[in-house]
Amino acid sequence: MSAGRPAGLPCDTRRPEEPVVSDTPADDHRAVAARFTRTVRGADPARWDDPAPCEGWVARDVVRHLVEWFPAFLRSGAGLSLPAGPSVDEDPVAAWVVHSDGVQTLLDDPATADLVVKNPHLGEMSVAQATAMVYTSDVFLHTWDLARATGQDERLDPDRCAGMLAGMLPMDEVLRGSGHYGPRVPVPDDADPQTALLSFIGRRV
């Protein structure tokens, strides 16, 4: 079993800038989480302890990161609790599904989506806005990590990749100094959007 890894290290890809959304924060999360869910469900059970692109992580740690940091964020900032699933070590698929369904339920209900989250780094905003800003994009980026670790389709939406990179480039120094990213990996000027984005956040593709 893997020991896990705390949030806030170079593979913590949360980003404090405007999200690329498909429609509403709820719809955007639904689409991005569905892709991650397919990757989780498609993982060969024998590969959950295979190395992931994040240094020191194995595949299940990618899921662990997501199901641990965001509930803590909601609990401390808005007093909200997400349903508790099994541990990632016991059943990473069920752990993810319970967590992701819980997030979607919060976003689909205006009574919770419109609650205010207070965070020392982000200020005050609605649960829906905060989810779109720092969590949904994290799920999107970690889809590649899990796919790479488990030998699945690694392709990401190129338009979203391009939009995210455009939003992150002006904040390069700030983001790099946060400790959430590894060193930027040089790529050719004509690199495709996915390669450019992943290299920007420190992945070697």
N, C-alpha and C. Protein backbone atom coordinates (compact mmCIF):
# COMPACT_ATOMS: atom_id res chain seq x y z
N MET A 1 0.84 -1.19 0.00
CA MET A 1 0.00 0.00 0.00
C MET A 1 0.88 1.25 0.00
N SER A 2 0.41 2.27 -0.63
CA SER A 2 1.16 3.52 -0.64
C SER A 2 0.80 4.35 0.57
N ALA A 3 1.73 5.16 0.99
CA ALA A 3 1.50 5.97 2.19
C ALA A 3 0.74 7.23 1.90
N GLY A 4 0.59 7.56 0.63
CA GLY A 4 -0.11 8.80 0.30
C GLY A 4 0.84 9.98 0.27
N ARG A 5 0.29 11.12 -0.06
CA ARG A 5 1.13 12.31 -0.21
C ARG A 5 0.27 13.51 0.12
N PRO A 6 0.74 14.41 0.95
CA PRO A 6 -0.07 15.56 1.32
C PRO A 6 -0.22 16.53 0.17
N ALA A 7 -1.29 17.30 0.22
CA ALA A 7 -1.48 18.35 -0.78
C ALA A 7 -0.41 19.42 -0.62
N GLY A 8 -0.22 20.19 -1.68
CA GLY A 8 0.69 21.32 -1.58
C GLY A 8 2.08 21.06 -2.11
N LEU A 9 2.30 19.86 -2.70
CA LEU A 9 3.59 19.53 -3.26
C LEU A 9 3.53 19.68 -4.78
N PRO A 10 4.64 19.48 -5.50
CA PRO A 10 4.66 19.82 -6.92
C PRO A 10 3.57 19.21 -7.78
N CYS A 11 2.93 18.13 -7.37
CA CYS A 11 1.86 17.59 -8.19
C CYS A 11 0.49 18.11 -7.78
N ASP A 12 0.44 19.05 -6.88
CA ASP A 12 -0.81 19.70 -6.51
C ASP A 12 -1.05 20.80 -7.54
N THR A 13 -1.93 20.51 -8.52
CA THR A 13 -2.05 21.40 -9.68
C THR A 13 -3.20 22.38 -9.59
N ARG A 14 -3.71 22.62 -8.39
CA ARG A 14 -4.76 23.63 -8.27
C ARG A 14 -4.25 24.98 -8.77
N ARG A 15 -5.11 25.72 -9.42
CA ARG A 15 -4.65 26.98 -10.00
C ARG A 15 -5.63 28.10 -9.69
N PRO A 16 -5.19 29.18 -9.11
CA PRO A 16 -6.08 30.27 -8.71
C PRO A 16 -6.31 31.28 -9.82
N GLU A 17 -6.95 30.86 -10.92
CA GLU A 17 -7.29 31.82 -11.96
C GLU A 17 -8.59 31.40 -12.62
N GLU A 18 -9.06 32.20 -13.56
CA GLU A 18 -10.35 31.93 -14.17
C GLU A 18 -10.37 30.58 -14.86
N PRO A 19 -11.42 29.77 -14.63
CA PRO A 19 -11.49 28.46 -15.23
C PRO A 19 -11.95 28.52 -16.68
N VAL A 20 -11.69 27.43 -17.40
CA VAL A 20 -12.26 27.25 -18.73
C VAL A 20 -13.49 26.39 -18.53
N VAL A 21 -14.66 26.92 -18.77
CA VAL A 21 -15.88 26.20 -18.43
C VAL A 21 -16.68 25.87 -19.67
N SER A 22 -17.46 24.77 -19.58
CA SER A 22 -18.30 24.36 -20.70
C SER A 22 -19.63 25.10 -20.66
N ASP A 23 -20.13 25.42 -19.49
CA ASP A 23 -21.39 26.15 -19.34
C ASP A 23 -21.43 26.74 -17.95
N THR A 24 -21.97 25.99 -17.00
CA THR A 24 -21.97 26.40 -15.61
C THR A 24 -20.91 25.61 -14.86
N PRO A 25 -20.53 26.05 -13.66
CA PRO A 25 -19.59 25.25 -12.88
C PRO A 25 -20.06 23.81 -12.67
N ALA A 26 -21.37 23.62 -12.49
CA ALA A 26 -21.90 22.27 -12.30
C ALA A 26 -21.72 21.43 -13.56
N ASP A 27 -22.05 22.01 -14.71
CA ASP A 27 -21.92 21.27 -15.97
C ASP A 27 -20.45 21.00 -16.30
N ASP A 28 -19.61 21.97 -16.03
CA ASP A 28 -18.19 21.81 -16.30
C ASP A 28 -17.61 20.68 -15.46
N HIS A 29 -17.94 20.68 -14.18
CA HIS A 29 -17.46 19.61 -13.32
C HIS A 29 -18.00 18.26 -13.77
N ARG A 30 -19.26 18.22 -14.15
CA ARG A 30 -19.85 16.96 -14.58
C ARG A 30 -19.05 16.34 -15.74
N ALA A 31 -18.70 17.18 -16.71
CA ALA A 31 -17.97 16.69 -17.88
C ALA A 31 -16.55 16.26 -17.53
N VAL A 32 -15.85 17.10 -16.78
CA VAL A 32 -14.46 16.80 -16.44
C VAL A 32 -14.38 15.58 -15.51
N ALA A 33 -15.26 15.53 -14.52
CA ALA A 33 -15.25 14.40 -13.59
C ALA A 33 -15.64 13.10 -14.28
N ALA A 34 -16.52 13.18 -15.27
CA ALA A 34 -16.92 11.97 -16.00
C ALA A 34 -15.72 11.35 -16.71
N ARG A 35 -14.88 12.19 -17.30
CA ARG A 35 -13.68 11.67 -17.96
C ARG A 35 -12.74 11.03 -16.95
N PHE A 36 -12.55 11.69 -15.81
CA PHE A 36 -11.68 11.12 -14.79
C PHE A 36 -12.26 9.80 -14.29
N THR A 37 -13.59 9.75 -14.12
CA THR A 37 -14.24 8.53 -13.66
C THR A 37 -14.00 7.39 -14.64
N ARG A 38 -14.09 7.66 -15.93
CA ARG A 38 -13.81 6.61 -16.92
C ARG A 38 -12.39 6.09 -16.78
N THR A 39 -11.47 6.99 -16.49
CA THR A 39 -10.08 6.57 -16.33
C THR A 39 -9.91 5.75 -15.05
N VAL A 40 -10.57 6.15 -13.99
CA VAL A 40 -10.53 5.39 -12.74
C VAL A 40 -11.11 3.99 -12.95
N ARG A 41 -12.27 3.94 -13.56
CA ARG A 41 -12.93 2.65 -13.77
C ARG A 41 -12.16 1.78 -14.76
N GLY A 42 -11.43 2.41 -15.67
CA GLY A 42 -10.70 1.65 -16.68
C GLY A 42 -9.35 1.14 -16.22
N ALA A 43 -8.94 1.52 -15.03
CA ALA A 43 -7.62 1.11 -14.55
C ALA A 43 -7.60 -0.38 -14.22
N ASP A 44 -6.58 -1.06 -14.68
CA ASP A 44 -6.36 -2.45 -14.30
C ASP A 44 -6.08 -2.49 -12.81
N PRO A 45 -6.83 -3.29 -12.03
CA PRO A 45 -6.60 -3.33 -10.58
C PRO A 45 -5.15 -3.63 -10.21
N ALA A 46 -4.44 -4.31 -11.08
CA ALA A 46 -3.05 -4.65 -10.78
C ALA A 46 -2.11 -3.46 -10.92
N ARG A 47 -2.63 -2.34 -11.44
CA ARG A 47 -1.75 -1.19 -11.71
C ARG A 47 -1.93 -0.04 -10.72
N TRP A 48 -2.74 -0.21 -9.70
CA TRP A 48 -2.98 0.90 -8.78
C TRP A 48 -1.74 1.31 -7.99
N ASP A 49 -0.76 0.43 -7.92
CA ASP A 49 0.48 0.79 -7.22
C ASP A 49 1.64 0.99 -8.18
N ASP A 50 1.32 1.17 -9.46
CA ASP A 50 2.35 1.53 -10.44
C ASP A 50 2.73 3.00 -10.27
N PRO A 51 3.96 3.37 -10.60
CA PRO A 51 4.39 4.77 -10.44
C PRO A 51 3.55 5.73 -11.28
N ALA A 52 3.28 6.89 -10.71
CA ALA A 52 2.58 7.98 -11.41
C ALA A 52 3.61 9.05 -11.79
N PRO A 53 3.26 9.95 -12.71
CA PRO A 53 4.21 11.00 -13.11
C PRO A 53 4.66 11.89 -11.96
N CYS A 54 3.82 12.06 -10.96
CA CYS A 54 4.19 12.89 -9.81
C CYS A 54 5.23 12.15 -8.97
N GLU A 55 6.32 12.79 -8.68
CA GLU A 55 7.41 12.15 -7.95
C GLU A 55 6.93 11.59 -6.62
N GLY A 56 7.20 10.32 -6.38
CA GLY A 56 6.84 9.69 -5.12
C GLY A 56 5.42 9.16 -5.06
N TRP A 57 4.65 9.40 -6.10
CA TRP A 57 3.26 8.92 -6.13
C TRP A 57 3.15 7.63 -6.90
N VAL A 58 2.13 6.83 -6.53
CA VAL A 58 1.67 5.74 -7.37
C VAL A 58 0.27 6.11 -7.85
N ALA A 59 -0.30 5.28 -8.71
CA ALA A 59 -1.58 5.63 -9.34
C ALA A 59 -2.66 5.98 -8.33
N ARG A 60 -2.78 5.19 -7.27
CA ARG A 60 -3.86 5.46 -6.32
C ARG A 60 -3.66 6.79 -5.59
N ASP A 61 -2.43 7.28 -5.53
CA ASP A 61 -2.19 8.56 -4.87
C ASP A 61 -2.78 9.73 -5.65
N VAL A 62 -2.96 9.56 -6.96
CA VAL A 62 -3.62 10.60 -7.75
C VAL A 62 -5.06 10.76 -7.27
N VAL A 63 -5.73 9.63 -7.07
CA VAL A 63 -7.10 9.66 -6.53
C VAL A 63 -7.08 10.17 -5.10
N ARG A 64 -6.14 9.69 -4.31
CA ARG A 64 -6.05 10.10 -2.91
C ARG A 64 -5.96 11.62 -2.78
N HIS A 65 -5.13 12.22 -3.59
CA HIS A 65 -4.95 13.68 -3.55
C HIS A 65 -6.28 14.40 -3.73
N LEU A 66 -7.05 13.99 -4.72
CA LEU A 66 -8.30 14.68 -5.03
C LEU A 66 -9.36 14.46 -3.96
N VAL A 67 -9.45 13.25 -3.43
CA VAL A 67 -10.51 12.97 -2.46
C VAL A 67 -10.16 13.46 -1.07
N GLU A 68 -8.93 13.91 -0.86
CA GLU A 68 -8.54 14.42 0.45
C GLU A 68 -8.50 15.94 0.53
N TRP A 69 -7.91 16.60 -0.47
CA TRP A 69 -7.72 18.05 -0.29
C TRP A 69 -9.01 18.83 -0.46
N PHE A 70 -9.87 18.44 -1.40
CA PHE A 70 -11.06 19.26 -1.64
C PHE A 70 -12.08 19.16 -0.51
N PRO A 71 -12.34 17.99 0.06
CA PRO A 71 -13.22 17.97 1.24
C PRO A 71 -12.71 18.85 2.37
N ALA A 72 -11.40 18.85 2.58
CA ALA A 72 -10.83 19.70 3.63
C ALA A 72 -11.03 21.17 3.30
N PHE A 73 -10.89 21.52 2.04
CA PHE A 73 -11.11 22.90 1.58
C PHE A 73 -12.54 23.35 1.85
N LEU A 74 -13.51 22.51 1.51
CA LEU A 74 -14.92 22.85 1.72
C LEU A 74 -15.27 22.90 3.20
N ARG A 75 -14.71 21.99 3.95
CA ARG A 75 -15.01 21.93 5.37
C ARG A 75 -14.49 23.17 6.10
N SER A 76 -13.27 23.56 5.79
CA SER A 76 -12.69 24.71 6.49
C SER A 76 -13.24 26.03 6.00
N GLY A 77 -13.60 26.10 4.71
CA GLY A 77 -14.03 27.37 4.14
C GLY A 77 -15.51 27.63 4.15
N ALA A 78 -16.31 26.54 4.15
CA ALA A 78 -17.76 26.72 4.06
C ALA A 78 -18.53 25.87 5.06
N GLY A 79 -17.83 25.07 5.85
CA GLY A 79 -18.51 24.22 6.81
C GLY A 79 -19.29 23.09 6.18
N LEU A 80 -18.92 22.72 4.96
CA LEU A 80 -19.61 21.65 4.24
C LEU A 80 -18.84 20.34 4.36
N SER A 81 -19.59 19.25 4.43
CA SER A 81 -18.97 17.93 4.47
C SER A 81 -19.43 17.11 3.28
N LEU A 82 -18.50 16.42 2.67
CA LEU A 82 -18.82 15.50 1.59
C LEU A 82 -18.98 14.09 2.14
N PRO A 83 -19.77 13.25 1.47
CA PRO A 83 -19.93 11.87 1.94
C PRO A 83 -18.58 11.16 1.98
N ALA A 84 -18.40 10.33 2.97
CA ALA A 84 -17.15 9.59 3.12
C ALA A 84 -17.28 8.22 2.46
N GLY A 85 -16.41 7.94 1.53
CA GLY A 85 -16.38 6.63 0.89
C GLY A 85 -15.33 5.75 1.54
N PRO A 86 -15.06 4.60 0.95
CA PRO A 86 -13.99 3.74 1.47
C PRO A 86 -12.64 4.40 1.25
N SER A 87 -11.63 3.88 1.91
CA SER A 87 -10.30 4.45 1.73
C SER A 87 -9.78 4.15 0.33
N VAL A 88 -8.89 5.00 -0.14
CA VAL A 88 -8.30 4.79 -1.46
C VAL A 88 -7.46 3.52 -1.47
N ASP A 89 -6.88 3.16 -0.34
CA ASP A 89 -6.11 1.93 -0.28
C ASP A 89 -7.01 0.70 -0.39
N GLU A 90 -8.20 0.80 0.15
CA GLU A 90 -9.14 -0.32 0.11
C GLU A 90 -9.81 -0.45 -1.25
N ASP A 91 -10.31 0.67 -1.79
CA ASP A 91 -11.07 0.63 -3.05
C ASP A 91 -11.00 2.00 -3.72
N PRO A 92 -9.98 2.25 -4.54
CA PRO A 92 -9.84 3.57 -5.14
C PRO A 92 -10.99 3.94 -6.06
N VAL A 93 -11.61 2.97 -6.71
CA VAL A 93 -12.73 3.27 -7.60
C VAL A 93 -13.91 3.79 -6.79
N ALA A 94 -14.31 3.06 -5.77
CA ALA A 94 -15.44 3.49 -4.95
C ALA A 94 -15.13 4.78 -4.21
N ALA A 95 -13.88 4.93 -3.75
CA ALA A 95 -13.50 6.17 -3.06
C ALA A 95 -13.72 7.37 -3.97
N TRP A 96 -13.32 7.24 -5.23
CA TRP A 96 -13.50 8.34 -6.16
C TRP A 96 -14.97 8.58 -6.48
N VAL A 97 -15.72 7.54 -6.77
CA VAL A 97 -17.11 7.70 -7.18
C VAL A 97 -17.93 8.36 -6.07
N VAL A 98 -17.76 7.93 -4.84
CA VAL A 98 -18.50 8.54 -3.73
C VAL A 98 -18.13 10.01 -3.61
N HIS A 99 -16.85 10.30 -3.68
CA HIS A 99 -16.39 11.69 -3.58
C HIS A 99 -16.94 12.54 -4.72
N SER A 100 -16.76 12.08 -5.94
CA SER A 100 -17.16 12.87 -7.11
C SER A 100 -18.66 13.10 -7.15
N ASP A 101 -19.43 12.06 -6.83
CA ASP A 101 -20.88 12.22 -6.78
C ASP A 101 -21.28 13.25 -5.72
N GLY A 102 -20.55 13.25 -4.60
CA GLY A 102 -20.84 14.22 -3.56
C GLY A 102 -20.57 15.64 -4.00
N VAL A 103 -19.48 15.86 -4.72
CA VAL A 103 -19.18 17.19 -5.24
C VAL A 103 -20.27 17.63 -6.22
N GLN A 104 -20.67 16.72 -7.11
CA GLN A 104 -21.69 17.07 -8.09
C GLN A 104 -23.01 17.42 -7.43
N THR A 105 -23.36 16.71 -6.38
CA THR A 105 -24.60 17.00 -5.65
C THR A 105 -24.57 18.41 -5.07
N LEU A 106 -23.44 18.81 -4.52
CA LEU A 106 -23.30 20.17 -3.99
C LEU A 106 -23.49 21.21 -5.08
N LEU A 107 -22.91 20.96 -6.24
CA LEU A 107 -22.98 21.93 -7.33
C LEU A 107 -24.36 21.99 -7.97
N ASP A 108 -25.07 20.89 -7.98
CA ASP A 108 -26.39 20.85 -8.60
C ASP A 108 -27.47 21.50 -7.74
N ASP A 109 -27.20 21.67 -6.47
CA ASP A 109 -28.17 22.24 -5.53
C ASP A 109 -27.81 23.70 -5.25
N PRO A 110 -28.63 24.64 -5.69
CA PRO A 110 -28.31 26.06 -5.44
C PRO A 110 -28.11 26.39 -3.97
N ALA A 111 -28.77 25.64 -3.10
CA ALA A 111 -28.65 25.92 -1.67
C ALA A 111 -27.22 25.73 -1.17
N THR A 112 -26.49 24.83 -1.78
CA THR A 112 -25.10 24.63 -1.39
C THR A 112 -24.14 25.28 -2.39
N ALA A 113 -24.48 25.27 -3.66
CA ALA A 113 -23.60 25.87 -4.67
C ALA A 113 -23.39 27.36 -4.44
N ASP A 114 -24.40 28.02 -3.87
CA ASP A 114 -24.32 29.47 -3.66
C ASP A 114 -23.78 29.86 -2.30
N LEU A 115 -23.49 28.88 -1.45
CA LEU A 115 -22.89 29.20 -0.16
C LEU A 115 -21.52 29.86 -0.36
N VAL A 116 -21.13 30.66 0.59
CA VAL A 116 -19.85 31.38 0.49
C VAL A 116 -18.72 30.55 1.09
N VAL A 117 -17.64 30.45 0.33
CA VAL A 117 -16.40 29.85 0.81
C VAL A 117 -15.45 30.98 1.17
N LYS A 118 -14.85 30.89 2.34
CA LYS A 118 -13.85 31.87 2.76
C LYS A 118 -12.50 31.17 2.82
N ASN A 119 -11.55 31.72 2.08
CA ASN A 119 -10.22 31.13 2.02
C ASN A 119 -9.18 32.24 2.05
N PRO A 120 -8.13 32.06 2.85
CA PRO A 120 -7.13 33.15 2.97
C PRO A 120 -6.42 33.47 1.67
N HIS A 121 -6.38 32.54 0.73
CA HIS A 121 -5.68 32.78 -0.53
C HIS A 121 -6.62 33.27 -1.63
N LEU A 122 -7.89 32.85 -1.56
CA LEU A 122 -8.85 33.18 -2.62
C LEU A 122 -9.82 34.28 -2.23
N GLY A 123 -9.94 34.56 -0.95
CA GLY A 123 -10.94 35.51 -0.50
C GLY A 123 -12.28 34.82 -0.32
N GLU A 124 -13.36 35.52 -0.67
CA GLU A 124 -14.70 34.96 -0.54
C GLU A 124 -15.34 34.80 -1.91
N MET A 125 -15.96 33.66 -2.12
CA MET A 125 -16.69 33.40 -3.36
C MET A 125 -17.63 32.23 -3.11
N SER A 126 -18.51 31.97 -4.06
CA SER A 126 -19.45 30.87 -3.89
C SER A 126 -18.75 29.53 -4.01
N VAL A 127 -19.40 28.51 -3.47
CA VAL A 127 -18.88 27.14 -3.61
C VAL A 127 -18.70 26.80 -5.09
N ALA A 128 -19.68 27.17 -5.91
CA ALA A 128 -19.60 26.88 -7.34
C ALA A 128 -18.39 27.55 -7.98
N GLN A 129 -18.18 28.83 -7.66
CA GLN A 129 -17.04 29.55 -8.24
C GLN A 129 -15.72 28.96 -7.77
N ALA A 130 -15.63 28.65 -6.50
CA ALA A 130 -14.39 28.10 -5.96
C ALA A 130 -14.08 26.73 -6.56
N THR A 131 -15.12 25.93 -6.74
CA THR A 131 -14.93 24.61 -7.34
C THR A 131 -14.38 24.74 -8.75
N ALA A 132 -14.98 25.62 -9.52
CA ALA A 132 -14.52 25.83 -10.90
C ALA A 132 -13.10 26.37 -10.93
N MET A 133 -12.77 27.23 -10.00
CA MET A 133 -11.48 27.91 -10.03
C MET A 133 -10.32 27.01 -9.63
N VAL A 134 -10.51 26.20 -8.59
CA VAL A 134 -9.35 25.47 -8.07
C VAL A 134 -9.47 23.96 -8.11
N TYR A 135 -10.67 23.43 -8.27
CA TYR A 135 -10.81 21.97 -8.18
C TYR A 135 -11.02 21.29 -9.52
N THR A 136 -11.97 21.79 -10.32
CA THR A 136 -12.27 21.11 -11.59
C THR A 136 -11.04 21.06 -12.48
N SER A 137 -10.27 22.14 -12.52
CA SER A 137 -9.05 22.13 -13.32
C SER A 137 -8.03 21.14 -12.78
N ASP A 138 -8.02 20.94 -11.48
CA ASP A 138 -7.11 19.96 -10.87
C ASP A 138 -7.48 18.55 -11.32
N VAL A 139 -8.78 18.27 -11.34
CA VAL A 139 -9.24 16.96 -11.83
C VAL A 139 -8.83 16.77 -13.29
N PHE A 140 -9.01 17.82 -14.08
CA PHE A 140 -8.66 17.75 -15.50
C PHE A 140 -7.19 17.40 -15.69
N LEU A 141 -6.31 18.10 -15.00
CA LEU A 141 -4.87 17.86 -15.16
C LEU A 141 -4.46 16.49 -14.64
N HIS A 142 -5.03 16.07 -13.54
CA HIS A 142 -4.66 14.78 -12.97
C HIS A 142 -5.23 13.61 -13.76
N THR A 143 -6.16 13.88 -14.67
CA THR A 143 -6.62 12.82 -15.57
C THR A 143 -5.44 12.27 -16.37
N TRP A 144 -4.58 13.17 -16.81
CA TRP A 144 -3.40 12.72 -17.56
C TRP A 144 -2.48 11.90 -16.68
N ASP A 145 -2.27 12.33 -15.45
CA ASP A 145 -1.40 11.58 -14.54
C ASP A 145 -1.90 10.16 -14.35
N LEU A 146 -3.20 10.01 -14.11
CA LEU A 146 -3.74 8.68 -13.86
C LEU A 146 -3.71 7.84 -15.13
N ALA A 147 -4.02 8.46 -16.26
CA ALA A 147 -3.97 7.72 -17.52
C ALA A 147 -2.55 7.24 -17.81
N ARG A 148 -1.57 8.09 -17.60
CA ARG A 148 -0.18 7.71 -17.83
C ARG A 148 0.23 6.58 -16.87
N ALA A 149 -0.16 6.68 -15.62
CA ALA A 149 0.23 5.68 -14.63
C ALA A 149 -0.39 4.31 -14.91
N THR A 150 -1.57 4.29 -15.50
CA THR A 150 -2.30 3.04 -15.69
C THR A 150 -2.38 2.59 -17.14
N GLY A 151 -1.65 3.28 -18.03
CA GLY A 151 -1.57 2.84 -19.41
C GLY A 151 -2.83 3.03 -20.22
N GLN A 152 -3.53 4.16 -19.99
CA GLN A 152 -4.77 4.42 -20.71
C GLN A 152 -4.63 5.63 -21.64
N ASP A 153 -5.73 5.95 -22.31
CA ASP A 153 -5.75 7.08 -23.24
C ASP A 153 -5.39 8.37 -22.51
N GLU A 154 -4.33 9.02 -22.95
CA GLU A 154 -3.83 10.22 -22.27
C GLU A 154 -4.32 11.52 -22.89
N ARG A 155 -5.08 11.44 -23.95
CA ARG A 155 -5.47 12.66 -24.66
C ARG A 155 -6.43 13.51 -23.83
N LEU A 156 -6.15 14.82 -23.78
CA LEU A 156 -6.99 15.79 -23.10
C LEU A 156 -7.61 16.73 -24.14
N ASP A 157 -8.67 17.41 -23.75
CA ASP A 157 -9.33 18.35 -24.65
C ASP A 157 -8.35 19.48 -25.02
N PRO A 158 -8.00 19.62 -26.29
CA PRO A 158 -6.99 20.61 -26.66
C PRO A 158 -7.43 22.05 -26.43
N ASP A 159 -8.72 22.34 -26.61
CA ASP A 159 -9.19 23.71 -26.39
C ASP A 159 -9.07 24.08 -24.92
N ARG A 160 -9.40 23.15 -24.06
CA ARG A 160 -9.27 23.44 -22.63
C ARG A 160 -7.80 23.59 -22.25
N CYS A 161 -6.96 22.74 -22.80
CA CYS A 161 -5.52 22.85 -22.53
C CYS A 161 -5.01 24.23 -22.93
N ALA A 162 -5.40 24.69 -24.12
CA ALA A 162 -4.93 25.99 -24.60
C ALA A 162 -5.45 27.11 -23.72
N GLY A 163 -6.70 27.03 -23.32
CA GLY A 163 -7.28 28.06 -22.47
C GLY A 163 -6.64 28.12 -21.10
N MET A 164 -6.39 26.95 -20.52
CA MET A 164 -5.74 26.91 -19.22
C MET A 164 -4.34 27.48 -19.29
N LEU A 165 -3.60 27.09 -20.31
CA LEU A 165 -2.23 27.58 -20.43
C LEU A 165 -2.20 29.10 -20.61
N ALA A 166 -3.13 29.62 -21.39
CA ALA A 166 -3.19 31.07 -21.60
C ALA A 166 -3.44 31.80 -20.28
N GLY A 167 -4.24 31.20 -19.40
CA GLY A 167 -4.51 31.81 -18.12
C GLY A 167 -3.36 31.69 -17.13
N MET A 168 -2.56 30.65 -17.28
CA MET A 168 -1.49 30.40 -16.33
C MET A 168 -0.17 31.09 -16.69
N LEU A 169 0.08 31.27 -17.97
CA LEU A 169 1.36 31.85 -18.39
C LEU A 169 1.68 33.19 -17.73
N PRO A 170 0.71 34.12 -17.63
CA PRO A 170 1.03 35.40 -16.99
C PRO A 170 1.35 35.27 -15.50
N MET A 171 0.98 34.12 -14.91
CA MET A 171 1.19 33.92 -13.48
C MET A 171 2.34 32.96 -13.22
N ASP A 172 3.19 32.76 -14.19
CA ASP A 172 4.25 31.76 -14.09
C ASP A 172 5.04 31.87 -12.79
N GLU A 173 5.53 33.06 -12.49
CA GLU A 173 6.38 33.23 -11.31
C GLU A 173 5.61 32.94 -10.03
N VAL A 174 4.38 33.42 -9.95
CA VAL A 174 3.57 33.19 -8.75
C VAL A 174 3.27 31.72 -8.58
N LEU A 175 2.85 31.07 -9.66
CA LEU A 175 2.50 29.66 -9.58
C LEU A 175 3.71 28.81 -9.24
N ARG A 176 4.84 29.11 -9.85
CA ARG A 176 6.05 28.34 -9.58
C ARG A 176 6.48 28.51 -8.13
N GLY A 177 6.32 29.71 -7.61
CA GLY A 177 6.71 29.96 -6.24
C GLY A 177 5.79 29.35 -5.21
N SER A 178 4.62 28.91 -5.63
CA SER A 178 3.67 28.31 -4.70
C SER A 178 4.10 26.94 -4.22
N GLY A 179 5.00 26.30 -4.96
CA GLY A 179 5.41 24.95 -4.61
C GLY A 179 4.49 23.87 -5.12
N HIS A 180 3.46 24.26 -5.87
CA HIS A 180 2.50 23.29 -6.39
C HIS A 180 2.93 22.69 -7.72
N TYR A 181 4.02 23.19 -8.28
CA TYR A 181 4.44 22.76 -9.61
C TYR A 181 5.91 22.42 -9.63
N GLY A 182 6.26 21.48 -10.48
CA GLY A 182 7.67 21.19 -10.70
C GLY A 182 8.26 22.19 -11.66
N PRO A 183 9.55 22.11 -11.93
CA PRO A 183 10.19 23.02 -12.89
C PRO A 183 9.56 22.89 -14.27
N ARG A 184 9.43 24.00 -14.94
CA ARG A 184 8.88 24.00 -16.29
C ARG A 184 9.80 23.22 -17.23
N VAL A 185 9.21 22.36 -18.06
CA VAL A 185 9.98 21.55 -19.00
C VAL A 185 9.97 22.24 -20.36
N PRO A 186 11.12 22.53 -20.94
CA PRO A 186 11.16 23.21 -22.25
C PRO A 186 10.53 22.35 -23.35
N VAL A 187 9.77 23.00 -24.22
CA VAL A 187 9.17 22.33 -25.38
C VAL A 187 9.31 23.26 -26.59
N PRO A 188 9.22 22.72 -27.80
CA PRO A 188 9.28 23.58 -28.99
C PRO A 188 8.14 24.59 -29.02
N ASP A 189 8.34 25.69 -29.70
CA ASP A 189 7.31 26.72 -29.81
C ASP A 189 6.04 26.21 -30.46
N ASP A 190 6.17 25.20 -31.32
CA ASP A 190 5.00 24.68 -32.02
C ASP A 190 4.41 23.44 -31.35
N ALA A 191 4.72 23.23 -30.07
CA ALA A 191 4.16 22.08 -29.35
C ALA A 191 2.65 22.18 -29.31
N ASP A 192 1.98 21.03 -29.35
CA ASP A 192 0.52 21.03 -29.29
C ASP A 192 0.07 21.51 -27.92
N PRO A 193 -1.19 21.95 -27.78
CA PRO A 193 -1.66 22.54 -26.52
C PRO A 193 -1.49 21.63 -25.31
N GLN A 194 -1.74 20.34 -25.48
CA GLN A 194 -1.61 19.44 -24.33
C GLN A 194 -0.16 19.34 -23.88
N THR A 195 0.74 19.15 -24.82
CA THR A 195 2.16 19.06 -24.47
C THR A 195 2.65 20.36 -23.83
N ALA A 196 2.21 21.48 -24.37
CA ALA A 196 2.63 22.77 -23.83
C ALA A 196 2.13 22.96 -22.40
N LEU A 197 0.88 22.60 -22.15
CA LEU A 197 0.31 22.76 -20.81
C LEU A 197 1.00 21.83 -19.81
N LEU A 198 1.10 20.57 -20.17
CA LEU A 198 1.70 19.61 -19.24
C LEU A 198 3.16 19.95 -18.96
N SER A 199 3.87 20.39 -19.96
CA SER A 199 5.26 20.78 -19.75
C SER A 199 5.36 22.02 -18.86
N PHE A 200 4.40 22.92 -19.01
CA PHE A 200 4.39 24.12 -18.17
C PHE A 200 4.26 23.77 -16.70
N ILE A 201 3.45 22.75 -16.39
CA ILE A 201 3.26 22.39 -14.98
C ILE A 201 4.29 21.38 -14.49
N GLY A 202 5.28 21.08 -15.35
CA GLY A 202 6.39 20.27 -14.90
C GLY A 202 6.35 18.81 -15.27
N ARG A 203 5.40 18.43 -16.13
CA ARG A 203 5.33 17.03 -16.55
C ARG A 203 6.25 16.79 -17.75
N ARG A 204 6.85 15.63 -17.78
CA ARG A 204 7.63 15.21 -18.94
C ARG A 204 6.78 14.26 -19.76
N VAL A 205 6.37 14.70 -20.93
CA VAL A 205 5.44 13.91 -21.73
C VAL A 205 6.16 13.11 -22.80
